[in-house]
Amino acid sequence: KGGLESERQQYIIHGGKTPNNELSDKMYVMSVVCKNNKKVTFRCTEKDLVGDVPEARYGHSIDVVYSRGKSMGVVFGGRSYIPSAQRTTEKWNTVADCLPHVFLVDFEFGCSTSYILPELQDGLSFHVSIARNDTIYILGGHSLANNIRPANLYRIRVDLPLGSPAVNCTVLPGGLSVSSAILTQTNNDEFVIVGGYQLENQKRMVCNIVSFEDNKIEIREMETPDWTPDIKHSKIWFGSNMGNGTVFLGIPGDNKQAASETYYFYMLKCAEDDVNEDQKTFTNSQTSTEDPGDSTPFEDSEEFCFSAEANSFNGDDEFDTYNEDDEEDESVTGYWITCCSTCDVDINTWVPFYSTELNKPAMIYCSHGDGHWVHAQCMDLA
């Protein structure tokens, strides 16, 4: 989340899933320390928190609010694994919605405090959050316990006086039933909500304009984009905000093959200054054959892998050098292992075992003994 000047922009990274389906409770602050014509150097530091530390989660939101000359991070929603005492080999990856607590995080002093608001009764994941000054608006989301996408619209206001912060929540009418949608800002008082799902296997093809005037929020449908046939017929889609009213969308390509690695990407321009016949339509489609393992969409979620150590951006030389020996040899490590005595996974003949697999076999953590990872197809599962 950015500061007032581009040189002071910071990005807060918290939670998320690792490739091995582990969850992280770490919080990182990433900032630009050097910017010139050739490269941009980032520094990423881990932020140690005290107090009510948010548990490891994914599918949550984190925003920054500003009040009385001070700022505070706000963490809400998401999913986490069931308590460790309830986790067995069969239920090791079972998740549940986090409690609907609102966490205020002071990044300067590393303090975190949780707030229980009576208006927030159910846990939510993959909702849309919009931060404006001292207020955050929560729209939509998915309740795992009820398996519904309620048409939520909450307004959470944070006051930061000299003493203890004050947090209050108001339930507003006119919300949206959507999960995993993408938010992009088109001007100071207007946002566009794109994509997402209205049911587990049904994409939400309608887009909405969210406008603010005198601290009042208005949500209305916008002209439907000219979706391409591939997008219309695709069961899943994923993407991110590119800024300036532009959304980056991706869909899997021809998945008839056992291990298709083709993805199609589109840019949707929603900015108001692009008013013409092609407004809000897709342009610049392209095909990617990059390894989809780092960007595979699973149900409502999007996976992003952040693997850099907290202080690995301090040096200058490592940005200009590449050492081939540093790459992992996946023929003997990672997924391509003999996980048990009966393991029959062959890197040359392997085919997907689960529908969510693309180019690497699914692995399940076995809690027997010291614990170890086993290929899903090598386990005797029902």
Protein backbone atom coordinates (compact mmCIF):
# COMPACT_ATOMS: atom_id res chain seq x y z
CA LYS A 1 0.00 0.00 0.00
CA GLY A 2 1.53 3.28 -1.11
CA GLY A 3 2.61 6.32 0.82
CA LEU A 4 2.25 9.94 -0.22
CA GLU A 5 5.35 9.96 -2.44
CA SER A 6 6.41 7.40 -4.98
CA GLU A 7 9.87 7.21 -3.37
CA ARG A 8 8.23 6.19 -0.10
CA GLN A 9 5.86 3.60 -1.51
CA GLN A 10 5.66 0.45 0.53
CA TYR A 11 3.94 -2.84 -0.13
CA ILE A 12 2.64 -5.02 2.67
CA ILE A 13 2.79 -8.78 2.17
CA HIS A 14 0.99 -11.06 4.60
CA GLY A 15 -0.20 -14.64 4.57
CA GLY A 16 -0.83 -16.78 1.53
CA LYS A 17 -0.23 -20.38 0.55
CA THR A 18 3.12 -21.94 -0.30
CA PRO A 19 3.45 -24.52 -3.10
CA ASN A 20 3.29 -27.25 -0.44
CA ASN A 21 -0.07 -25.94 0.84
CA GLU A 22 1.46 -24.47 3.97
CA LEU A 23 0.19 -21.14 5.27
CA SER A 24 2.35 -18.25 6.38
CA ASP A 25 1.68 -15.84 9.24
CA LYS A 26 4.68 -13.70 8.33
CA MET A 27 4.31 -10.03 7.50
CA TYR A 28 6.77 -8.28 5.21
CA VAL A 29 7.28 -4.66 4.23
CA MET A 30 8.76 -4.19 0.76
CA SER A 31 9.96 -0.80 -0.43
CA VAL A 32 11.96 0.69 -3.29
CA VAL A 33 15.45 1.68 -2.18
CA CYS A 34 17.05 2.49 -5.53
CA LYS A 35 15.54 3.48 -8.84
CA ASN A 36 17.43 4.35 -12.00
CA ASN A 37 17.16 3.82 -15.74
CA LYS A 38 18.49 0.28 -15.64
CA LYS A 39 16.91 -1.35 -12.63
CA VAL A 40 14.77 -0.96 -9.53
CA THR A 41 16.14 -2.32 -6.27
CA PHE A 42 13.74 -3.46 -3.57
CA ARG A 43 14.31 -4.13 0.11
CA CYS A 44 12.04 -6.59 1.88
CA THR A 45 12.10 -6.85 5.66
CA GLU A 46 10.09 -9.08 7.96
CA LYS A 47 7.97 -7.20 10.47
CA ASP A 48 7.78 -8.78 13.91
CA LEU A 49 4.39 -8.22 15.53
CA VAL A 50 3.33 -8.29 19.17
CA GLY A 51 -0.15 -8.36 20.67
CA ASP A 52 -3.04 -9.98 18.81
CA VAL A 53 -1.09 -11.34 15.86
CA PRO A 54 -3.28 -12.47 12.91
CA GLU A 55 -3.05 -16.20 12.37
CA ALA A 56 -1.72 -17.64 9.12
CA ARG A 57 -4.37 -17.21 6.43
CA TYR A 58 -5.16 -16.71 2.76
CA GLY A 59 -8.07 -15.14 0.90
CA HIS A 60 -8.03 -12.13 3.25
CA SER A 61 -7.62 -8.40 2.68
CA ILE A 62 -5.08 -5.95 4.06
CA ASP A 63 -5.52 -2.20 3.63
CA VAL A 64 -4.10 1.00 5.08
CA VAL A 65 -6.26 3.74 6.61
CA TYR A 66 -5.26 7.32 7.41
CA SER A 67 -6.68 9.33 10.31
CA ARG A 68 -5.46 12.44 12.16
CA GLY A 69 -2.07 12.31 10.45
CA LYS A 70 -1.45 8.67 11.34
CA SER A 71 -1.78 5.42 9.42
CA MET A 72 -2.71 1.89 10.39
CA GLY A 73 -2.98 -1.44 8.58
CA VAL A 74 -6.28 -3.31 8.65
CA VAL A 75 -6.45 -7.10 8.20
CA PHE A 76 -9.80 -8.81 7.77
CA GLY A 77 -11.21 -12.18 6.73
CA GLY A 78 -9.55 -15.10 5.07
CA ARG A 79 -9.24 -18.81 5.67
CA SER A 80 -6.92 -20.88 7.80
CA TYR A 81 -6.37 -24.53 8.59
CA ILE A 82 -8.44 -26.05 11.36
CA PRO A 83 -6.73 -26.05 14.79
CA SER A 84 -3.69 -28.31 15.01
CA ALA A 85 -5.38 -30.48 17.64
CA GLN A 86 -8.08 -31.38 15.10
CA ARG A 87 -5.73 -32.01 12.18
CA THR A 88 -5.18 -35.62 11.18
CA THR A 89 -3.68 -37.18 8.07
CA GLU A 90 -7.13 -37.36 6.48
CA LYS A 91 -8.06 -33.77 7.45
CA TRP A 92 -4.60 -32.19 7.24
CA ASN A 93 -5.58 -29.65 4.57
CA THR A 94 -9.06 -28.89 5.90
CA VAL A 95 -9.62 -25.14 6.12
CA ALA A 96 -12.21 -22.93 7.80
CA ASP A 97 -13.07 -19.25 7.67
CA CYS A 98 -11.14 -17.17 10.17
CA LEU A 99 -13.13 -15.49 12.91
CA PRO A 100 -14.59 -12.17 11.72
CA HIS A 101 -12.16 -10.09 13.76
CA VAL A 102 -10.70 -6.83 12.52
CA PHE A 103 -6.96 -6.45 13.17
CA LEU A 104 -5.28 -3.04 13.40
CA VAL A 105 -1.55 -3.27 12.71
CA ASP A 106 0.86 -0.45 13.57
CA PHE A 107 3.73 -0.95 11.15
CA GLU A 108 5.92 1.62 12.92
CA PHE A 109 5.90 -0.05 16.34
CA GLY A 110 4.91 -3.58 15.30
CA CYS A 111 1.77 -3.71 17.45
CA SER A 112 -1.38 -5.62 16.45
CA THR A 113 -4.79 -5.41 18.11
CA SER A 114 -7.95 -7.34 17.25
CA TYR A 115 -11.47 -5.93 17.45
CA ILE A 116 -14.76 -7.82 17.69
CA LEU A 117 -17.55 -5.90 15.98
CA PRO A 118 -21.15 -7.12 16.51
CA GLU A 119 -22.09 -6.34 12.91
CA LEU A 120 -19.57 -8.90 11.63
CA GLN A 121 -21.01 -12.29 12.54
CA ASP A 122 -19.62 -14.66 9.90
CA GLY A 123 -16.16 -15.22 8.53
CA LEU A 124 -15.56 -14.16 4.92
CA SER A 125 -12.94 -14.91 2.31
CA PHE A 126 -12.13 -13.59 -1.16
CA HIS A 127 -14.11 -10.41 -0.61
CA VAL A 128 -13.48 -6.99 -2.17
CA SER A 129 -12.07 -4.24 0.04
CA ILE A 130 -11.89 -0.54 -0.81
CA ALA A 131 -9.88 1.79 1.42
CA ARG A 132 -10.60 5.53 1.42
CA ASN A 133 -8.95 7.74 4.05
CA ASP A 134 -10.15 6.43 7.44
CA THR A 135 -12.74 4.00 6.02
CA ILE A 136 -12.74 0.53 4.48
CA TYR A 137 -15.68 -0.90 2.55
CA ILE A 138 -16.07 -4.71 2.47
CA LEU A 139 -18.13 -6.11 -0.41
CA GLY A 140 -19.23 -9.65 -1.17
CA GLY A 141 -17.04 -12.58 -0.23
CA HIS A 142 -17.59 -16.28 0.36
CA SER A 143 -18.70 -17.91 3.60
CA LEU A 144 -17.24 -21.40 3.73
CA ALA A 145 -19.41 -22.51 6.67
CA ASN A 146 -22.64 -21.72 4.80
CA ASN A 147 -21.22 -22.08 1.27
CA ILE A 148 -22.89 -18.83 0.21
CA ARG A 149 -21.79 -15.54 -1.28
CA PRO A 150 -23.92 -13.05 0.67
CA ALA A 151 -24.54 -9.61 -0.81
CA ASN A 152 -22.50 -7.91 1.88
CA LEU A 153 -21.60 -4.27 2.16
CA TYR A 154 -19.88 -3.20 5.36
CA ARG A 155 -18.34 0.15 6.21
CA ILE A 156 -15.53 -0.03 8.77
CA ARG A 157 -14.34 3.32 10.08
CA VAL A 158 -11.12 3.73 12.04
CA ASP A 159 -10.41 6.78 14.22
CA LEU A 160 -6.82 7.24 15.41
CA PRO A 161 -6.77 9.77 18.26
CA LEU A 162 -3.89 10.14 20.71
CA GLY A 163 -5.32 7.38 22.86
CA SER A 164 -6.72 4.02 21.84
CA PRO A 165 -8.08 3.64 18.29
CA ALA A 166 -11.84 3.53 17.79
CA VAL A 167 -13.27 1.05 15.28
CA ASN A 168 -16.93 0.89 14.29
CA CYS A 169 -18.83 -0.99 11.60
CA THR A 170 -22.03 -0.12 9.74
CA VAL A 171 -24.07 -2.48 7.57
CA LEU A 172 -25.08 -0.75 4.33
CA PRO A 173 -27.67 -1.82 1.74
CA GLY A 174 -26.94 -2.55 -1.90
CA GLY A 175 -24.06 -5.01 -1.62
CA LEU A 176 -22.81 -7.55 -4.15
CA SER A 177 -22.85 -11.33 -4.22
CA VAL A 178 -19.41 -12.08 -5.63
CA SER A 179 -16.12 -13.65 -4.61
CA SER A 180 -12.56 -13.38 -5.94
CA ALA A 181 -13.39 -10.24 -7.93
CA ILE A 182 -10.73 -7.78 -9.09
CA LEU A 183 -10.84 -4.11 -8.12
CA THR A 184 -9.33 -1.32 -10.21
CA GLN A 185 -9.46 2.44 -9.69
CA THR A 186 -10.44 4.65 -12.61
CA ASN A 187 -10.31 8.05 -10.85
CA ASN A 188 -10.20 9.56 -7.36
CA ASP A 189 -13.83 8.73 -6.60
CA GLU A 190 -14.54 5.74 -8.81
CA PHE A 191 -13.63 2.06 -8.90
CA VAL A 192 -14.61 -0.85 -11.14
CA ILE A 193 -15.23 -4.42 -9.94
CA VAL A 194 -14.40 -7.05 -12.57
CA GLY A 195 -14.62 -10.83 -12.69
CA GLY A 196 -15.06 -13.19 -9.79
CA TYR A 197 -17.63 -15.90 -9.18
CA GLN A 198 -21.31 -15.81 -8.27
CA LEU A 199 -21.38 -19.59 -7.74
CA GLU A 200 -18.57 -22.08 -7.27
CA ASN A 201 -18.61 -23.08 -10.94
CA GLN A 202 -20.16 -19.97 -12.43
CA LYS A 203 -18.19 -16.87 -13.28
CA ARG A 204 -19.72 -13.46 -12.65
CA MET A 205 -19.71 -11.80 -16.06
CA VAL A 206 -21.30 -8.52 -14.91
CA CYS A 207 -19.01 -5.63 -13.95
CA ASN A 208 -19.89 -2.87 -11.50
CA ILE A 209 -18.89 0.75 -11.02
CA VAL A 210 -18.41 1.86 -7.41
CA SER A 211 -18.52 5.64 -6.99
CA PHE A 212 -18.15 7.85 -3.92
CA GLU A 213 -19.60 11.29 -3.29
CA ASP A 214 -19.77 13.04 0.08
CA ASN A 215 -18.82 9.81 1.89
CA LYS A 216 -21.72 8.00 0.23
CA ILE A 217 -21.15 4.86 -1.82
CA GLU A 218 -23.10 3.95 -4.94
CA ILE A 219 -22.80 0.66 -6.83
CA ARG A 220 -24.25 0.26 -10.32
CA GLU A 221 -23.82 -2.09 -13.22
CA MET A 222 -21.70 -0.92 -16.11
CA GLU A 223 -21.88 -1.77 -19.78
CA THR A 224 -20.94 -5.41 -20.14
CA PRO A 225 -17.53 -5.88 -21.78
CA ASP A 226 -17.36 -7.67 -25.11
CA TRP A 227 -16.11 -10.93 -23.63
CA THR A 228 -14.32 -13.21 -26.08
CA PRO A 229 -15.78 -16.71 -26.68
CA ASP A 230 -12.81 -18.26 -24.87
CA ILE A 231 -13.51 -16.22 -21.77
CA LYS A 232 -17.24 -16.91 -21.91
CA HIS A 233 -16.74 -20.66 -22.02
CA SER A 234 -13.86 -20.90 -19.58
CA LYS A 235 -14.81 -22.28 -16.16
CA ILE A 236 -12.11 -20.41 -14.28
CA TRP A 237 -10.34 -17.09 -14.63
CA PHE A 238 -7.89 -15.13 -12.54
CA GLY A 239 -6.05 -11.84 -12.70
CA SER A 240 -4.97 -8.67 -11.00
CA ASN A 241 -5.25 -4.91 -11.09
CA MET A 242 -2.63 -3.23 -13.29
CA GLY A 243 -3.48 0.32 -12.17
CA ASN A 244 -4.92 3.22 -14.13
CA GLY A 245 -8.22 1.41 -14.64
CA THR A 246 -6.68 -1.64 -16.34
CA VAL A 247 -7.24 -5.27 -15.32
CA PHE A 248 -5.03 -8.20 -16.31
CA LEU A 249 -7.03 -11.42 -16.84
CA GLY A 250 -5.91 -14.96 -17.55
CA ILE A 251 -7.66 -18.20 -18.48
CA PRO A 252 -6.33 -21.71 -19.13
CA GLY A 253 -5.84 -22.61 -22.75
CA ASP A 254 -6.80 -25.85 -24.46
CA ASN A 255 -6.86 -28.26 -21.53
CA LYS A 256 -7.76 -31.33 -23.54
CA GLN A 257 -4.17 -32.48 -23.30
CA ALA A 258 -3.04 -34.17 -20.13
CA ALA A 259 -0.52 -31.49 -19.19
CA SER A 260 -1.43 -28.35 -21.07
CA GLU A 261 0.80 -25.39 -20.18
CA THR A 262 -0.94 -22.79 -22.32
CA TYR A 263 -2.59 -19.72 -20.84
CA TYR A 264 -4.29 -16.84 -22.58
CA PHE A 265 -4.01 -13.36 -21.12
CA TYR A 266 -6.12 -10.27 -21.75
CA MET A 267 -6.15 -6.63 -20.69
CA LEU A 268 -9.44 -4.97 -19.91
CA LYS A 269 -9.36 -1.16 -19.92
CA CYS A 270 -12.03 0.46 -17.78
CA ALA A 271 -10.72 4.03 -17.49
CA GLU A 272 -13.23 6.73 -18.31
CA ASP A 273 -10.79 8.65 -20.52
CA ASP A 274 -10.91 5.79 -23.05
CA VAL A 275 -14.45 6.60 -24.15
CA ASN A 276 -14.98 5.26 -27.67
CA GLU A 277 -16.65 2.34 -29.39
CA ASP A 278 -14.15 -0.09 -27.97
CA GLN A 279 -14.48 1.14 -24.42
CA LYS A 280 -14.28 -1.60 -21.81
CA THR A 281 -13.36 -4.30 -24.32
CA PHE A 282 -10.39 -6.63 -24.40
CA THR A 283 -7.18 -5.94 -26.24
CA ASN A 284 -3.65 -7.31 -26.52
CA SER A 285 -4.41 -11.00 -26.05
CA GLN A 286 -1.42 -13.28 -26.00
CA THR A 287 -0.45 -16.86 -25.30
CA SER A 288 1.96 -17.83 -22.56
CA THR A 289 3.78 -21.10 -22.18
CA GLU A 290 5.35 -20.22 -18.88
CA ASP A 291 5.27 -22.77 -16.07
CA PRO A 292 1.71 -22.49 -14.75
CA GLY A 293 2.64 -23.99 -11.41
CA ASP A 294 3.12 -20.56 -9.84
CA SER A 295 -0.14 -19.06 -11.05
CA THR A 296 -2.63 -21.93 -11.07
CA PRO A 297 -6.11 -20.84 -9.94
CA PHE A 298 -7.69 -23.13 -7.33
CA GLU A 299 -11.42 -22.59 -6.86
CA ASP A 300 -11.77 -19.02 -5.58
CA SER A 301 -8.15 -18.40 -4.77
CA GLU A 302 -5.10 -17.14 -6.54
CA GLU A 303 -1.66 -18.38 -5.61
CA PHE A 304 1.28 -16.05 -5.44
CA CYS A 305 4.70 -17.34 -4.42
CA PHE A 306 7.07 -14.97 -2.58
CA SER A 307 10.30 -16.80 -1.93
CA ALA A 308 12.89 -14.07 -1.28
CA GLU A 309 14.50 -13.85 2.13
CA ALA A 310 13.78 -10.75 4.16
CA ASN A 311 17.19 -9.17 3.65
CA SER A 312 18.12 -10.60 0.27
CA PHE A 313 17.62 -7.27 -1.51
CA ASN A 314 20.39 -5.42 0.30
CA GLY A 315 23.15 -6.11 -2.19
CA ASP A 316 23.56 -4.57 -5.61
CA ASP A 317 25.61 -7.18 -7.45
CA GLU A 318 23.11 -10.02 -7.25
CA PHE A 319 20.66 -8.20 -9.51
CA ASP A 320 23.00 -8.38 -12.50
CA THR A 321 24.26 -11.95 -12.13
CA TYR A 322 22.71 -15.35 -12.73
CA ASN A 323 24.23 -18.60 -11.65
CA GLU A 324 22.78 -21.68 -13.33
CA ASP A 325 24.09 -23.84 -10.48
CA ASP A 326 21.68 -22.10 -8.10
CA GLU A 327 18.67 -23.66 -9.82
CA GLU A 328 17.16 -26.71 -8.13
CA ASP A 329 17.53 -30.05 -9.85
CA GLU A 330 13.93 -31.26 -9.78
CA SER A 331 14.96 -34.68 -11.02
CA VAL A 332 16.14 -35.51 -7.50
CA THR A 333 14.32 -32.99 -5.31
CA GLY A 334 10.90 -31.51 -4.80
CA TYR A 335 8.02 -33.24 -6.56
CA TRP A 336 10.17 -35.67 -8.53
CA ILE A 337 11.12 -37.97 -5.65
CA THR A 338 10.54 -41.55 -4.64
CA CYS A 339 8.19 -40.74 -1.82
CA CYS A 340 7.62 -44.30 -0.59
CA SER A 341 8.61 -47.87 -1.36
CA THR A 342 5.68 -48.30 -3.74
CA CYS A 343 6.11 -44.92 -5.49
CA ASP A 344 5.45 -45.27 -9.22
CA VAL A 345 5.70 -41.62 -10.30
CA ASP A 346 7.84 -41.41 -13.43
CA ILE A 347 8.87 -37.91 -14.57
CA ASN A 348 8.69 -39.11 -18.18
CA THR A 349 5.26 -40.74 -18.09
CA TRP A 350 3.44 -38.97 -15.25
CA VAL A 351 -0.15 -37.93 -15.95
CA PRO A 352 -2.47 -35.85 -13.69
CA PHE A 353 -4.08 -37.75 -10.82
CA TYR A 354 -6.27 -34.91 -9.55
CA SER A 355 -8.15 -32.39 -11.67
CA THR A 356 -6.20 -29.53 -10.06
CA GLU A 357 -2.85 -30.88 -11.21
CA LEU A 358 -1.24 -29.40 -14.30
CA ASN A 359 2.43 -30.19 -14.56
CA LYS A 360 3.43 -31.58 -11.17
CA PRO A 361 1.86 -34.34 -9.08
CA ALA A 362 -0.15 -33.37 -6.01
CA MET A 363 1.54 -34.10 -2.70
CA ILE A 364 -0.12 -34.80 0.64
CA TYR A 365 1.54 -34.38 4.03
CA CYS A 366 1.55 -37.57 6.09
CA SER A 367 1.77 -36.85 9.81
CA HIS A 368 3.05 -40.33 10.66
CA GLY A 369 6.32 -40.25 12.59
CA ASP A 370 8.29 -37.07 11.93
CA GLY A 371 6.02 -36.26 9.00
CA HIS A 372 6.82 -36.40 5.30
CA TRP A 373 5.32 -35.60 1.89
CA VAL A 374 3.80 -38.33 -0.26
CA HIS A 375 2.51 -38.16 -3.83
CA ALA A 376 -1.28 -38.26 -3.80
CA GLN A 377 -1.43 -41.10 -6.30
CA CYS A 378 0.93 -43.18 -4.13
CA MET A 379 -1.45 -43.05 -1.15
CA ASP A 380 -4.29 -45.50 -0.73
CA LEU A 381 -7.09 -42.92 -0.71
CA ALA A 382 -10.79 -43.44 -1.18
